């Protein structure tokens, strides 16, 4: 696995993300809180696996809706590491606050042949932080977690 830490700097140096893969473009978009740019990195048929719901969210629109909520719920969000594995699998390691809880997590993304994220799994720890995230996301999205 390769480790990359300065994706944001690479985006600034190259402009609008030219030459960066979807995971790097997604990371840069999230770090600048650019929801539209983050959504542009998603395949139309992306499958999003939430850390708090049993059923996956399917499609770009559903995933966009969830990402917008997450961007409102997480504060002090920052990526700390990026790991790359063969077959276009990337792990974006992050830390953030949810209310008075600090969480640590991973955005595990798989990139398709069109250089778009088509599978997206979020893992979050510790349990107290995950519970706080579930409660806040239910408030934000207007539904109880399932």
N, C-alpha and C. Protein backbone atom coordinates (compact mmCIF):
# COMPACT_ATOMS: atom_id res chain seq x y z
N UNK A 1 0.84 -1.19 0.00
CA UNK A 1 0.00 0.00 0.00
C UNK A 1 0.87 1.24 0.00
N UNK A 2 0.46 2.22 -0.75
CA UNK A 2 1.15 3.50 -0.76
C UNK A 2 0.41 4.46 0.15
N UNK A 3 1.16 5.37 0.73
CA UNK A 3 0.57 6.36 1.61
C UNK A 3 0.77 7.73 1.01
N UNK A 4 -0.31 8.54 0.94
CA UNK A 4 -0.20 9.89 0.43
C UNK A 4 -0.80 10.87 1.40
N UNK A 5 -0.11 11.99 1.65
CA UNK A 5 -0.62 12.91 2.65
C UNK A 5 -0.89 14.29 2.11
N UNK A 6 -0.36 14.67 0.94
CA UNK A 6 -0.46 16.06 0.53
C UNK A 6 -1.31 16.23 -0.71
N UNK A 7 -2.47 15.59 -0.74
CA UNK A 7 -3.34 15.69 -1.90
C UNK A 7 -3.84 17.12 -2.09
N UNK A 8 -4.17 17.81 -1.00
CA UNK A 8 -4.68 19.17 -1.14
C UNK A 8 -3.64 20.06 -1.81
N UNK A 9 -2.38 19.92 -1.43
CA UNK A 9 -1.32 20.69 -2.06
C UNK A 9 -1.20 20.37 -3.53
N UNK A 10 -1.39 19.10 -3.88
CA UNK A 10 -1.32 18.70 -5.28
C UNK A 10 -2.45 19.35 -6.08
N UNK A 11 -3.62 19.47 -5.47
CA UNK A 11 -4.74 20.10 -6.17
C UNK A 11 -4.44 21.56 -6.42
N UNK A 12 -3.89 22.25 -5.43
CA UNK A 12 -3.56 23.66 -5.62
C UNK A 12 -2.51 23.82 -6.72
N UNK A 13 -1.55 22.92 -6.76
CA UNK A 13 -0.47 23.04 -7.74
C UNK A 13 -0.94 22.74 -9.16
N UNK A 14 -1.96 21.90 -9.30
CA UNK A 14 -2.39 21.51 -10.64
C UNK A 14 -3.68 22.17 -11.09
N UNK A 15 -4.24 23.01 -10.28
CA UNK A 15 -5.49 23.63 -10.66
C UNK A 15 -6.67 22.81 -10.19
N UNK A 16 -7.61 22.55 -11.07
CA UNK A 16 -8.87 21.92 -10.70
C UNK A 16 -8.77 20.41 -10.59
N UNK A 17 -7.63 19.89 -10.19
CA UNK A 17 -7.51 18.46 -9.95
C UNK A 17 -7.04 17.69 -11.17
N UNK A 18 -6.46 18.35 -12.14
CA UNK A 18 -5.98 17.66 -13.34
C UNK A 18 -4.94 16.63 -12.93
N UNK A 19 -5.09 15.42 -13.45
CA UNK A 19 -4.13 14.37 -13.17
C UNK A 19 -4.36 13.63 -11.86
N UNK A 20 -5.35 14.01 -11.08
CA UNK A 20 -5.64 13.34 -9.82
C UNK A 20 -6.72 12.29 -10.04
N UNK A 21 -6.65 11.20 -9.30
CA UNK A 21 -7.71 10.19 -9.40
C UNK A 21 -8.93 10.63 -8.60
N UNK A 22 -10.00 9.88 -8.73
CA UNK A 22 -11.27 10.24 -8.09
C UNK A 22 -11.14 10.35 -6.58
N UNK A 23 -10.37 9.48 -5.95
CA UNK A 23 -10.21 9.54 -4.50
C UNK A 23 -9.51 10.84 -4.09
N UNK A 24 -8.50 11.23 -4.84
CA UNK A 24 -7.78 12.47 -4.54
C UNK A 24 -8.67 13.68 -4.79
N UNK A 25 -9.45 13.65 -5.87
CA UNK A 25 -10.37 14.76 -6.14
C UNK A 25 -11.46 14.84 -5.07
N UNK A 26 -11.96 13.68 -4.63
CA UNK A 26 -12.97 13.66 -3.57
C UNK A 26 -12.39 14.25 -2.30
N UNK A 27 -11.20 13.81 -1.93
CA UNK A 27 -10.55 14.32 -0.72
C UNK A 27 -10.40 15.84 -0.78
N UNK A 28 -9.90 16.35 -1.90
CA UNK A 28 -9.71 17.79 -2.04
C UNK A 28 -11.04 18.53 -1.93
N UNK A 29 -12.09 17.98 -2.52
CA UNK A 29 -13.41 18.62 -2.46
C UNK A 29 -13.93 18.66 -1.03
N UNK A 30 -13.78 17.57 -0.30
CA UNK A 30 -14.25 17.54 1.08
C UNK A 30 -13.43 18.50 1.94
N UNK A 31 -12.13 18.52 1.73
CA UNK A 31 -11.28 19.41 2.53
C UNK A 31 -11.62 20.88 2.31
N UNK A 32 -12.15 21.22 1.15
CA UNK A 32 -12.55 22.60 0.89
C UNK A 32 -14.06 22.81 1.06
N UNK A 33 -14.75 21.75 1.55
CA UNK A 33 -16.20 21.79 1.77
C UNK A 33 -16.96 22.11 0.49
N UNK A 34 -16.48 21.60 -0.63
CA UNK A 34 -17.11 21.82 -1.93
C UNK A 34 -17.98 20.60 -2.26
N UNK A 35 -19.21 20.65 -1.81
CA UNK A 35 -20.15 19.53 -1.98
C UNK A 35 -20.32 19.17 -3.44
N UNK A 36 -20.50 20.15 -4.30
CA UNK A 36 -20.72 19.88 -5.73
C UNK A 36 -19.53 19.15 -6.34
N UNK A 37 -18.32 19.57 -6.00
CA UNK A 37 -17.13 18.90 -6.54
C UNK A 37 -17.01 17.48 -6.00
N UNK A 38 -17.39 17.25 -4.75
CA UNK A 38 -17.36 15.90 -4.19
C UNK A 38 -18.33 15.00 -4.95
N UNK A 39 -19.52 15.51 -5.22
CA UNK A 39 -20.54 14.73 -5.94
C UNK A 39 -20.08 14.41 -7.35
N UNK A 40 -19.34 15.31 -7.98
CA UNK A 40 -18.84 15.06 -9.34
C UNK A 40 -17.91 13.86 -9.42
N UNK A 41 -17.34 13.43 -8.30
CA UNK A 41 -16.44 12.28 -8.30
C UNK A 41 -17.19 10.96 -8.19
N UNK A 42 -18.51 11.01 -8.03
CA UNK A 42 -19.32 9.81 -7.82
C UNK A 42 -19.92 9.30 -9.12
N UNK A 43 -19.89 7.98 -9.30
CA UNK A 43 -20.58 7.36 -10.43
C UNK A 43 -22.08 7.49 -10.22
N UNK A 44 -22.85 7.51 -11.31
CA UNK A 44 -24.32 7.59 -11.21
C UNK A 44 -24.88 6.46 -10.35
N UNK A 45 -24.26 5.28 -10.45
CA UNK A 45 -24.78 4.11 -9.73
C UNK A 45 -23.97 3.79 -8.46
N UNK A 46 -23.33 4.80 -7.88
CA UNK A 46 -22.54 4.60 -6.67
C UNK A 46 -23.40 3.95 -5.58
N UNK A 47 -22.76 3.10 -4.80
CA UNK A 47 -23.41 2.49 -3.64
C UNK A 47 -22.67 3.00 -2.41
N UNK A 48 -23.43 3.63 -1.49
CA UNK A 48 -22.86 4.23 -0.29
C UNK A 48 -23.28 3.40 0.92
N UNK A 49 -22.29 2.89 1.65
CA UNK A 49 -22.52 2.07 2.84
C UNK A 49 -22.25 2.94 4.07
N UNK A 50 -23.32 3.30 4.76
CA UNK A 50 -23.24 4.16 5.93
C UNK A 50 -22.79 3.35 7.15
N UNK A 51 -22.11 4.01 8.08
CA UNK A 51 -21.74 3.31 9.31
C UNK A 51 -22.92 3.12 10.27
N UNK A 52 -24.06 3.76 9.98
CA UNK A 52 -25.17 3.70 10.94
C UNK A 52 -26.44 3.07 10.39
N UNK A 53 -26.49 2.74 9.13
CA UNK A 53 -27.69 2.11 8.57
C UNK A 53 -27.35 0.74 8.00
N UNK A 54 -28.31 -0.15 8.06
CA UNK A 54 -28.11 -1.49 7.55
C UNK A 54 -28.12 -1.50 6.03
N UNK A 55 -29.08 -0.79 5.46
CA UNK A 55 -29.22 -0.76 4.00
C UNK A 55 -28.34 0.33 3.39
N UNK A 56 -27.78 0.00 2.25
CA UNK A 56 -26.94 0.96 1.54
C UNK A 56 -27.81 1.99 0.84
N UNK A 57 -27.22 3.15 0.58
CA UNK A 57 -27.85 4.18 -0.24
C UNK A 57 -27.36 3.94 -1.67
N UNK A 58 -28.27 3.91 -2.61
CA UNK A 58 -27.90 3.62 -3.99
C UNK A 58 -28.12 4.82 -4.88
N UNK A 59 -27.10 5.13 -5.67
CA UNK A 59 -27.20 6.22 -6.64
C UNK A 59 -26.56 7.50 -6.17
N UNK A 60 -26.22 8.32 -7.16
CA UNK A 60 -25.55 9.59 -6.89
C UNK A 60 -26.44 10.55 -6.09
N UNK A 61 -27.73 10.62 -6.41
CA UNK A 61 -28.61 11.56 -5.70
C UNK A 61 -28.72 11.22 -4.22
N UNK A 62 -28.92 9.94 -3.91
CA UNK A 62 -29.04 9.52 -2.50
C UNK A 62 -27.73 9.78 -1.75
N UNK A 63 -26.62 9.46 -2.39
CA UNK A 63 -25.32 9.67 -1.75
C UNK A 63 -25.04 11.15 -1.58
N UNK A 64 -25.40 11.96 -2.54
CA UNK A 64 -25.24 13.41 -2.45
C UNK A 64 -26.01 13.96 -1.25
N UNK A 65 -27.23 13.48 -1.05
CA UNK A 65 -28.07 13.91 0.06
C UNK A 65 -27.39 13.60 1.40
N UNK A 66 -26.87 12.39 1.52
CA UNK A 66 -26.19 11.99 2.76
C UNK A 66 -24.92 12.81 2.97
N UNK A 67 -24.13 12.99 1.92
CA UNK A 67 -22.90 13.77 2.04
C UNK A 67 -23.17 15.20 2.49
N UNK A 68 -24.23 15.78 1.99
CA UNK A 68 -24.58 17.15 2.40
C UNK A 68 -24.86 17.18 3.90
N UNK A 69 -25.58 16.19 4.40
CA UNK A 69 -25.85 16.11 5.84
C UNK A 69 -24.58 15.93 6.65
N UNK A 70 -23.71 15.05 6.18
CA UNK A 70 -22.45 14.81 6.87
C UNK A 70 -21.61 16.08 6.94
N UNK A 71 -21.59 16.84 5.85
CA UNK A 71 -20.81 18.08 5.84
C UNK A 71 -21.34 19.10 6.85
N UNK A 72 -22.63 19.00 7.18
CA UNK A 72 -23.20 19.89 8.19
C UNK A 72 -22.96 19.36 9.61
N UNK A 73 -22.90 18.05 9.78
CA UNK A 73 -22.78 17.44 11.10
C UNK A 73 -21.34 17.42 11.61
N UNK A 74 -20.40 17.03 10.75
CA UNK A 74 -19.00 16.97 11.17
C UNK A 74 -18.44 18.38 11.31
N UNK A 75 -17.71 18.62 12.38
CA UNK A 75 -16.95 19.86 12.53
C UNK A 75 -15.49 19.48 12.72
N UNK A 76 -14.61 20.42 12.46
CA UNK A 76 -13.17 20.19 12.60
C UNK A 76 -12.73 18.95 11.82
N UNK A 77 -13.34 18.75 10.64
CA UNK A 77 -13.04 17.57 9.82
C UNK A 77 -11.69 17.74 9.16
N UNK A 78 -10.90 16.66 9.20
CA UNK A 78 -9.62 16.67 8.50
C UNK A 78 -9.21 15.25 8.15
N UNK A 79 -8.67 15.11 6.95
CA UNK A 79 -8.06 13.84 6.57
C UNK A 79 -6.65 13.82 7.13
N UNK A 80 -6.25 12.66 7.65
CA UNK A 80 -4.92 12.53 8.24
C UNK A 80 -3.99 11.67 7.39
N UNK A 81 -4.56 10.76 6.62
CA UNK A 81 -3.75 9.87 5.78
C UNK A 81 -4.58 9.41 4.59
N UNK A 82 -3.88 8.93 3.58
CA UNK A 82 -4.54 8.31 2.44
C UNK A 82 -3.73 7.08 2.05
N UNK A 83 -4.39 5.95 2.00
CA UNK A 83 -3.75 4.69 1.64
C UNK A 83 -4.31 4.24 0.30
N UNK A 84 -3.43 3.73 -0.55
CA UNK A 84 -3.86 3.26 -1.86
C UNK A 84 -3.46 1.80 -2.01
N UNK A 85 -4.40 0.98 -2.46
CA UNK A 85 -4.16 -0.44 -2.68
C UNK A 85 -4.36 -0.75 -4.16
N UNK A 86 -3.95 -1.92 -4.60
CA UNK A 86 -4.19 -2.30 -6.00
C UNK A 86 -5.69 -2.29 -6.32
N UNK A 87 -6.00 -2.30 -7.58
CA UNK A 87 -7.38 -2.37 -8.06
C UNK A 87 -8.21 -1.14 -7.70
N UNK A 88 -7.56 0.02 -7.62
CA UNK A 88 -8.26 1.29 -7.40
C UNK A 88 -9.08 1.33 -6.12
N UNK A 89 -8.51 0.83 -5.04
CA UNK A 89 -9.13 0.91 -3.72
C UNK A 89 -8.32 1.91 -2.90
N UNK A 90 -9.02 2.84 -2.27
CA UNK A 90 -8.36 3.90 -1.49
C UNK A 90 -9.03 4.02 -0.13
N UNK A 91 -8.22 4.25 0.89
CA UNK A 91 -8.71 4.50 2.24
C UNK A 91 -8.29 5.90 2.64
N UNK A 92 -9.27 6.75 2.89
CA UNK A 92 -9.04 8.12 3.33
C UNK A 92 -9.32 8.17 4.83
N UNK A 93 -8.28 8.30 5.62
CA UNK A 93 -8.40 8.27 7.07
C UNK A 93 -8.70 9.68 7.57
N UNK A 94 -9.70 9.79 8.46
CA UNK A 94 -10.09 11.12 8.93
C UNK A 94 -10.32 11.18 10.43
N UNK A 95 -10.37 12.40 10.93
CA UNK A 95 -10.80 12.72 12.29
C UNK A 95 -11.78 13.89 12.16
N UNK A 96 -12.74 13.91 13.08
CA UNK A 96 -13.73 14.99 13.07
C UNK A 96 -14.42 15.02 14.43
N UNK A 97 -15.16 16.07 14.66
CA UNK A 97 -15.97 16.18 15.87
C UNK A 97 -17.43 16.08 15.49
N UNK A 98 -18.19 15.41 16.36
CA UNK A 98 -19.65 15.36 16.29
C UNK A 98 -20.12 15.82 17.66
N UNK A 99 -20.55 17.07 17.74
CA UNK A 99 -20.86 17.63 19.05
C UNK A 99 -19.61 17.63 19.90
N UNK A 100 -19.71 17.03 21.10
CA UNK A 100 -18.55 16.99 22.00
C UNK A 100 -17.74 15.70 21.88
N UNK A 101 -18.01 14.92 20.86
CA UNK A 101 -17.30 13.65 20.64
C UNK A 101 -16.34 13.77 19.46
N UNK A 102 -15.13 13.24 19.64
CA UNK A 102 -14.22 13.14 18.51
C UNK A 102 -14.36 11.75 17.92
N UNK A 103 -14.44 11.69 16.61
CA UNK A 103 -14.51 10.41 15.92
C UNK A 103 -13.29 10.26 15.03
N UNK A 104 -13.00 9.03 14.74
CA UNK A 104 -11.94 8.68 13.82
C UNK A 104 -12.57 7.73 12.82
N UNK A 105 -12.20 7.84 11.56
CA UNK A 105 -12.85 6.98 10.60
C UNK A 105 -12.06 6.81 9.32
N UNK A 106 -12.67 6.04 8.44
CA UNK A 106 -12.09 5.77 7.13
C UNK A 106 -13.19 5.88 6.09
N UNK A 107 -12.92 6.61 5.03
CA UNK A 107 -13.73 6.58 3.81
C UNK A 107 -13.04 5.59 2.89
N UNK A 108 -13.64 4.42 2.71
CA UNK A 108 -13.08 3.39 1.85
C UNK A 108 -13.78 3.50 0.50
N UNK A 109 -13.04 3.88 -0.53
CA UNK A 109 -13.65 4.09 -1.84
C UNK A 109 -13.01 3.19 -2.89
N UNK A 110 -13.87 2.74 -3.79
CA UNK A 110 -13.42 1.95 -4.93
C UNK A 110 -13.75 2.74 -6.18
N UNK A 111 -12.78 2.79 -7.09
CA UNK A 111 -12.92 3.61 -8.29
C UNK A 111 -13.12 2.70 -9.50
N UNK A 112 -14.09 3.05 -10.34
CA UNK A 112 -14.37 2.24 -11.53
C UNK A 112 -13.47 2.64 -12.70
N UNK A 113 -13.68 2.00 -13.84
CA UNK A 113 -12.88 2.25 -15.03
C UNK A 113 -13.04 3.64 -15.61
N UNK A 114 -14.11 4.35 -15.22
CA UNK A 114 -14.33 5.72 -15.68
C UNK A 114 -13.73 6.75 -14.72
N UNK A 115 -12.94 6.27 -13.75
CA UNK A 115 -12.32 7.12 -12.73
C UNK A 115 -13.37 7.87 -11.91
N UNK A 116 -14.40 7.12 -11.51
CA UNK A 116 -15.43 7.64 -10.61
C UNK A 116 -15.62 6.66 -9.46
N UNK A 117 -15.99 7.18 -8.31
CA UNK A 117 -16.22 6.34 -7.14
C UNK A 117 -17.53 5.60 -7.34
N UNK A 118 -17.47 4.26 -7.33
CA UNK A 118 -18.70 3.49 -7.51
C UNK A 118 -19.08 2.68 -6.28
N UNK A 119 -18.20 2.63 -5.29
CA UNK A 119 -18.52 1.97 -4.03
C UNK A 119 -17.83 2.75 -2.92
N UNK A 120 -18.60 3.09 -1.88
CA UNK A 120 -18.13 4.03 -0.87
C UNK A 120 -18.61 3.51 0.49
N UNK A 121 -17.67 3.13 1.34
CA UNK A 121 -18.00 2.64 2.67
C UNK A 121 -17.36 3.54 3.70
N UNK A 122 -18.13 3.93 4.71
CA UNK A 122 -17.60 4.76 5.79
C UNK A 122 -17.58 3.93 7.07
N UNK A 123 -16.43 3.94 7.73
CA UNK A 123 -16.25 3.26 9.02
C UNK A 123 -15.94 4.34 10.05
N UNK A 124 -16.54 4.24 11.25
CA UNK A 124 -16.35 5.26 12.29
C UNK A 124 -16.18 4.58 13.64
N UNK A 125 -15.29 5.13 14.44
CA UNK A 125 -15.09 4.68 15.82
C UNK A 125 -14.87 5.90 16.70
N UNK A 126 -14.99 5.87 17.99
CA UNK A 126 -15.49 4.80 18.83
C UNK A 126 -17.02 4.75 18.82
N UNK A 127 -17.56 3.76 19.51
CA UNK A 127 -19.01 3.57 19.52
C UNK A 127 -19.74 4.81 20.02
N UNK A 128 -19.21 5.47 21.04
CA UNK A 128 -19.89 6.68 21.55
C UNK A 128 -19.95 7.77 20.47
N UNK A 129 -18.91 7.88 19.67
CA UNK A 129 -18.90 8.84 18.57
C UNK A 129 -19.85 8.41 17.46
N UNK A 130 -19.88 7.12 17.16
CA UNK A 130 -20.81 6.60 16.15
C UNK A 130 -22.25 6.84 16.58
N UNK A 131 -22.55 6.63 17.86
CA UNK A 131 -23.90 6.88 18.36
C UNK A 131 -24.26 8.36 18.23
N UNK A 132 -23.32 9.24 18.54
CA UNK A 132 -23.57 10.68 18.39
C UNK A 132 -23.80 11.02 16.91
N UNK A 133 -23.01 10.41 16.03
CA UNK A 133 -23.18 10.64 14.59
C UNK A 133 -24.55 10.16 14.13
N UNK A 134 -24.97 8.98 14.57
CA UNK A 134 -26.28 8.44 14.17
C UNK A 134 -27.40 9.37 14.61
N UNK A 135 -27.33 9.87 15.84
CA UNK A 135 -28.37 10.76 16.34
C UNK A 135 -28.41 12.07 15.56
N UNK A 136 -27.24 12.66 15.31
CA UNK A 136 -27.19 13.94 14.58
C UNK A 136 -27.62 13.77 13.13
N UNK A 137 -27.23 12.68 12.49
CA UNK A 137 -27.63 12.46 11.10
C UNK A 137 -29.13 12.23 11.02
N UNK A 138 -29.72 11.55 11.99
CA UNK A 138 -31.17 11.36 12.00
C UNK A 138 -31.87 12.70 12.09
N UNK A 139 -31.35 13.61 12.92
CA UNK A 139 -31.92 14.96 13.02
C UNK A 139 -31.75 15.70 11.70
N UNK A 140 -30.56 15.62 11.14
CA UNK A 140 -30.20 16.36 9.93
C UNK A 140 -31.00 15.89 8.71
N UNK A 141 -31.18 14.58 8.59
CA UNK A 141 -31.84 14.02 7.42
C UNK A 141 -33.33 13.77 7.63
N UNK A 142 -33.78 13.99 8.86
CA UNK A 142 -35.22 13.86 9.13
C UNK A 142 -35.73 12.44 9.22
N UNK A 143 -34.88 11.50 9.63
CA UNK A 143 -35.33 10.11 9.74
C UNK A 143 -34.51 9.42 10.80
N UNK A 144 -35.07 8.43 11.41
CA UNK A 144 -34.35 7.63 12.38
C UNK A 144 -33.43 6.66 11.66
N UNK A 145 -32.26 6.42 12.21
CA UNK A 145 -31.36 5.46 11.57
C UNK A 145 -31.99 4.07 11.58
N UNK A 146 -31.75 3.30 10.50
CA UNK A 146 -32.32 1.95 10.44
C UNK A 146 -31.23 0.92 10.46
